[in-house]
Amino acid sequence: MTFMPLAVVLAVLVVVATRGALPQLGRLPLRGLEMLFAGLGVQLLIIVVDVPRSRLDDVGFGLLILSYAFILTFCFANLHVRGMAIVAIGIGLNAMVIALNQGMPANGPTRTDAAGRQVSRVVTSVKHRPERPGDVLKVLDDRIALPRPSHDLLSFGDLVLVAGLLDVCYWGSRRDEDGAWMSVFAMPMARFAPREDDDELGASDDVVDLRFDPGDAGDGRDEPTPDPELAPAQAPATPRASTRSSAASTSVS
């Protein structure tokens, strides 16, 4: 199968052609990588291990659906990464066709058998089988043939998957654009997330103590402080005691 290697090579070429940085992709905050590895491991297992034809519809089909469940879980956990939603749509389309038809129908090239009948060249496996008259969603099955020397058949979901992969690699490899990898699903969280400049600002500014002190309450009324420049000049008040004593001395004399 040459489809996925070609998709990876195409993604690398897009990053290089758009002057991106491949190391930036390693800094993407991906979650649930174990789910991705588990899904890919199960799909590799059903390719390497020869599942008997009599167990394709139960054991093989169950393992195939399990692998798609793992991979879709990884995609849903990383919807905050730009382009991952497109990847999830592509994988979901393939998973839906496989689940409804108990395998991925393939409308591939045909050959003439010994009886003179036209039969499909598609080999039946755990994932793929020749298209049948009773299959549903045939427009989404494997029917897009890659040019030679490749003999792969692609589905519409595969094309969506490649478009999402290119989108993830493009935005995740930007050098000078902080947060370019963030999708619309990550914007609400980033809007309320603390920023480094906010921490620096809070550390440099003076802290204002707004705690209530009962000793400063007084009678509960604000008393304005008079301005000495605006207050009128007043004569010093004469004590009453000195006035009485002078009056008494005058009467005795």
Protein backbone atom coordinates (compact mmCIF):
# COMPACT_ATOMS: atom_id res chain seq x y z
CA MET A 1 0.00 0.00 0.00
CA THR A 2 1.64 3.21 -1.18
CA PHE A 3 -1.08 5.67 -0.22
CA MET A 4 0.05 6.63 3.31
CA PRO A 5 3.79 6.93 2.44
CA LEU A 6 2.87 9.20 -0.47
CA ALA A 7 0.67 11.30 1.83
CA VAL A 8 3.52 11.72 4.34
CA VAL A 9 5.97 12.69 1.58
CA LEU A 10 3.46 15.20 0.23
CA ALA A 11 3.05 16.73 3.69
CA VAL A 12 6.83 17.12 4.06
CA LEU A 13 7.04 18.79 0.65
CA VAL A 14 4.27 21.23 1.60
CA VAL A 15 6.14 22.20 4.78
CA VAL A 16 9.42 22.73 2.93
CA ALA A 17 7.81 24.58 0.01
CA THR A 18 6.01 26.99 2.35
CA ARG A 19 9.19 27.66 4.38
CA GLY A 20 7.94 25.92 7.45
CA ALA A 21 10.01 24.19 10.12
CA LEU A 22 9.67 20.44 10.47
CA PRO A 23 10.89 20.51 14.13
CA GLN A 24 7.89 22.69 14.95
CA LEU A 25 5.62 19.70 14.29
CA GLY A 26 7.25 17.90 17.20
CA ARG A 27 6.12 20.70 19.52
CA LEU A 28 2.41 20.29 18.77
CA PRO A 29 0.50 19.60 22.02
CA LEU A 30 -0.96 16.27 20.91
CA ARG A 31 -2.96 14.25 23.41
CA GLY A 32 -3.71 10.54 23.54
CA LEU A 33 -0.86 9.37 21.35
CA GLU A 34 -1.26 5.92 22.87
CA MET A 35 -4.68 5.72 21.18
CA LEU A 36 -3.14 6.49 17.80
CA PHE A 37 -0.39 3.90 18.25
CA ALA A 38 -2.91 1.31 19.43
CA GLY A 39 -5.15 1.87 16.39
CA LEU A 40 -2.26 1.72 13.94
CA GLY A 41 -0.90 -1.34 15.71
CA VAL A 42 -4.19 -3.20 15.37
CA GLN A 43 -4.40 -2.35 11.66
CA LEU A 44 -0.82 -3.53 11.17
CA LEU A 45 -1.68 -6.73 13.02
CA ILE A 46 -4.60 -7.61 10.76
CA ILE A 47 -2.36 -7.00 7.72
CA VAL A 48 0.55 -9.12 8.94
CA VAL A 49 -1.49 -11.93 10.52
CA ASP A 50 -3.34 -14.14 8.06
CA VAL A 51 -6.91 -14.17 9.40
CA PRO A 52 -8.81 -17.24 8.12
CA ARG A 53 -11.51 -16.47 5.60
CA SER A 54 -14.08 -18.05 7.90
CA ARG A 55 -13.27 -15.47 10.63
CA LEU A 56 -13.17 -12.35 8.47
CA ASP A 57 -16.74 -11.37 9.31
CA ASP A 58 -16.41 -11.66 13.09
CA VAL A 59 -12.83 -11.56 14.42
CA GLY A 60 -11.36 -9.59 11.53
CA PHE A 61 -14.26 -7.14 11.35
CA GLY A 62 -14.23 -6.60 15.12
CA LEU A 63 -10.51 -5.81 15.15
CA LEU A 64 -10.94 -3.42 12.24
CA ILE A 65 -13.72 -1.48 13.99
CA LEU A 66 -11.66 -1.43 17.19
CA SER A 67 -8.72 0.14 15.34
CA TYR A 68 -10.93 2.89 13.94
CA ALA A 69 -12.36 3.53 17.41
CA PHE A 70 -8.83 4.07 18.77
CA ILE A 71 -7.83 6.40 15.93
CA LEU A 72 -11.04 8.45 16.12
CA THR A 73 -10.56 8.82 19.88
CA PHE A 74 -7.13 10.30 19.20
CA CYS A 75 -8.61 12.70 16.63
CA PHE A 76 -11.38 13.88 18.97
CA ALA A 77 -8.86 14.43 21.77
CA ASN A 78 -6.87 16.76 19.50
CA LEU A 79 -9.58 18.89 17.95
CA HIS A 80 -7.75 21.89 19.40
CA VAL A 81 -5.08 21.34 16.71
CA ARG A 82 -5.87 23.08 13.44
CA GLY A 83 -6.79 20.61 10.70
CA MET A 84 -7.46 17.67 13.03
CA ALA A 85 -11.22 18.06 12.58
CA ILE A 86 -10.75 17.48 8.83
CA VAL A 87 -8.69 14.36 9.58
CA ALA A 88 -11.47 13.11 11.87
CA ILE A 89 -14.08 13.66 9.14
CA GLY A 90 -12.05 11.66 6.61
CA ILE A 91 -11.47 8.77 8.99
CA GLY A 92 -15.08 8.88 10.12
CA LEU A 93 -16.35 8.57 6.54
CA ASN A 94 -14.24 5.46 5.98
CA ALA A 95 -15.31 3.98 9.31
CA MET A 96 -18.99 4.56 8.49
CA VAL A 97 -18.74 2.80 5.12
CA ILE A 98 -16.86 -0.13 6.69
CA ALA A 99 -19.36 -0.47 9.53
CA LEU A 100 -22.42 -0.41 7.25
CA ASN A 101 -21.00 -2.84 4.70
CA GLN A 102 -18.95 -5.03 7.06
CA GLY A 103 -15.80 -4.10 5.16
CA MET A 104 -14.67 -1.52 2.65
CA PRO A 105 -16.14 -2.28 -0.79
CA ALA A 106 -13.72 -1.69 -3.64
CA ASN A 107 -14.76 -0.92 -7.19
CA GLY A 108 -11.49 -1.91 -8.82
CA PRO A 109 -10.34 -3.30 -12.13
CA THR A 110 -11.82 -6.52 -13.45
CA ARG A 111 -10.52 -9.57 -15.27
CA THR A 112 -12.05 -12.35 -17.29
CA ASP A 113 -12.14 -15.74 -15.58
CA ALA A 114 -12.09 -19.18 -17.20
CA ALA A 115 -15.85 -19.12 -17.71
CA GLY A 116 -15.67 -15.83 -19.59
CA ARG A 117 -17.15 -13.76 -16.76
CA GLN A 118 -15.87 -10.37 -15.61
CA VAL A 119 -14.70 -10.63 -12.02
CA SER A 120 -13.01 -8.11 -9.75
CA ARG A 121 -9.28 -8.14 -9.28
CA VAL A 122 -9.72 -6.94 -5.67
CA VAL A 123 -8.48 -9.54 -3.21
CA THR A 124 -10.78 -10.09 -0.22
CA SER A 125 -9.10 -9.26 3.09
CA VAL A 126 -10.10 -8.07 6.55
CA LYS A 127 -10.52 -4.48 5.35
CA HIS A 128 -11.25 -4.69 1.61
CA ARG A 129 -13.51 -6.81 -0.54
CA PRO A 130 -15.05 -6.52 -4.01
CA GLU A 131 -18.11 -4.32 -4.35
CA ARG A 132 -21.48 -6.12 -4.19
CA PRO A 133 -24.94 -5.15 -5.50
CA GLY A 134 -26.39 -4.71 -2.01
CA ASP A 135 -23.69 -2.36 -0.68
CA VAL A 136 -24.66 1.09 0.63
CA LEU A 137 -22.88 4.42 0.23
CA LYS A 138 -21.04 3.17 -2.82
CA VAL A 139 -20.03 6.69 -3.72
CA LEU A 140 -17.81 6.69 -0.59
CA ASP A 141 -16.11 3.33 -1.11
CA ASP A 142 -12.72 2.68 -2.70
CA ARG A 143 -13.15 3.62 -6.36
CA ILE A 144 -10.48 6.26 -7.12
CA ALA A 145 -7.52 4.52 -8.79
CA LEU A 146 -4.04 5.97 -8.40
CA PRO A 147 -1.94 6.12 -11.58
CA ARG A 148 0.63 3.45 -12.25
CA PRO A 149 2.90 2.08 -10.88
CA SER A 150 0.60 2.24 -7.86
CA HIS A 151 -2.43 -0.04 -7.83
CA ASP A 152 -4.12 1.53 -4.79
CA LEU A 153 -7.79 2.42 -4.73
CA LEU A 154 -8.78 5.49 -2.69
CA SER A 155 -12.07 6.61 -1.23
CA PHE A 156 -13.46 10.10 -0.79
CA GLY A 157 -12.66 9.78 2.91
CA ASP A 158 -9.01 9.13 2.04
CA LEU A 159 -8.86 12.41 0.10
CA VAL A 160 -10.39 14.29 3.04
CA LEU A 161 -7.87 12.61 5.34
CA VAL A 162 -4.95 13.78 3.19
CA ALA A 163 -6.33 17.33 3.08
CA GLY A 164 -6.56 17.37 6.87
CA LEU A 165 -3.04 15.97 7.24
CA LEU A 166 -1.66 18.71 4.99
CA ASP A 167 -3.56 21.33 6.99
CA VAL A 168 -2.15 20.03 10.28
CA CYS A 169 1.42 19.99 8.94
CA TYR A 170 1.15 23.44 7.36
CA TRP A 171 -0.14 25.31 10.41
CA GLY A 172 1.91 23.26 12.86
CA SER A 173 5.17 24.11 11.08
CA ARG A 174 4.85 27.92 11.11
CA ARG A 175 8.00 29.52 12.53
CA ASP A 176 7.02 33.02 13.66
CA GLU A 177 3.30 32.66 14.29
CA ASP A 178 2.58 31.74 17.90
CA GLY A 179 -0.63 29.77 18.21
CA ALA A 180 -1.06 29.31 14.45
CA TRP A 181 -1.74 25.62 15.10
CA MET A 182 -4.77 26.40 17.29
CA SER A 183 -8.20 25.61 15.87
CA VAL A 184 -11.50 27.29 16.66
CA PHE A 185 -12.10 24.64 19.31
CA ALA A 186 -9.05 25.90 21.23
CA MET A 187 -9.88 29.64 21.00
CA PRO A 188 -12.32 29.78 23.97
CA MET A 189 -9.77 28.08 26.25
CA ALA A 190 -6.90 30.25 25.04
CA ARG A 191 -8.96 33.39 25.59
CA PHE A 192 -9.08 32.83 29.36
CA ALA A 193 -5.69 31.18 29.75
CA PRO A 194 -3.07 33.17 31.74
CA ARG A 195 -0.35 34.72 29.63
CA GLU A 196 3.30 35.20 30.51
CA ASP A 197 3.15 38.98 30.05
CA ASP A 198 0.27 39.11 32.55
CA ASP A 199 2.46 37.38 35.16
CA GLU A 200 5.31 39.81 34.53
CA LEU A 201 2.96 42.78 34.77
CA GLY A 202 1.51 41.58 38.04
CA ALA A 203 4.97 41.02 39.52
CA SER A 204 6.26 44.51 38.62
CA ASP A 205 3.26 46.60 39.69
CA ASP A 206 2.68 47.73 43.27
CA VAL A 207 0.09 45.72 45.14
CA VAL A 208 -2.79 47.75 46.53
CA ASP A 209 -4.14 46.51 49.86
CA LEU A 210 -7.95 46.77 49.75
CA ARG A 211 -8.61 45.04 53.07
CA PHE A 212 -10.98 46.79 55.51
CA ASP A 213 -9.46 48.18 58.72
CA PRO A 214 -12.03 48.86 61.50
CA GLY A 215 -9.74 51.45 63.05
CA ASP A 216 -10.04 53.67 60.02
CA ALA A 217 -13.82 53.51 59.89
CA GLY A 218 -14.56 56.41 62.30
CA ASP A 219 -18.26 57.29 62.40
CA GLY A 220 -18.80 55.95 58.90
CA ARG A 221 -18.71 59.40 57.23
CA ASP A 222 -15.97 60.73 55.02
CA GLU A 223 -14.48 63.92 56.43
CA PRO A 224 -12.81 66.08 53.79
CA THR A 225 -9.45 67.55 54.65
CA PRO A 226 -9.49 71.35 54.38
CA ASP A 227 -7.06 72.97 52.07
CA PRO A 228 -4.92 75.47 53.98
CA GLU A 229 -4.57 77.72 50.93
CA LEU A 230 -8.34 78.06 50.41
CA ALA A 231 -9.35 78.47 54.11
CA PRO A 232 -10.01 82.15 55.18
CA ALA A 233 -7.63 83.79 57.64
CA GLN A 234 -9.04 83.90 61.22
CA ALA A 235 -7.87 85.84 64.25
CA PRO A 236 -6.60 83.73 67.12
CA ALA A 237 -9.28 83.10 69.70
CA THR A 238 -8.79 84.75 73.22
CA PRO A 239 -9.20 82.35 76.13
CA ARG A 240 -12.27 83.17 78.32
CA ALA A 241 -10.40 82.71 81.57
CA SER A 242 -7.95 85.57 80.84
CA THR A 243 -10.84 87.92 79.88
CA ARG A 244 -12.65 87.43 83.20
CA SER A 245 -9.54 87.99 85.26
CA SER A 246 -8.81 91.34 83.52
CA ALA A 247 -12.40 92.52 84.08
CA ALA A 248 -12.19 91.70 87.78
CA SER A 249 -8.95 93.69 88.23
CA THR A 250 -10.54 96.76 86.62
CA SER A 251 -13.55 96.78 88.97
CA VAL A 252 -11.37 96.55 92.11
CA SER A 253 -9.27 99.46 91.05
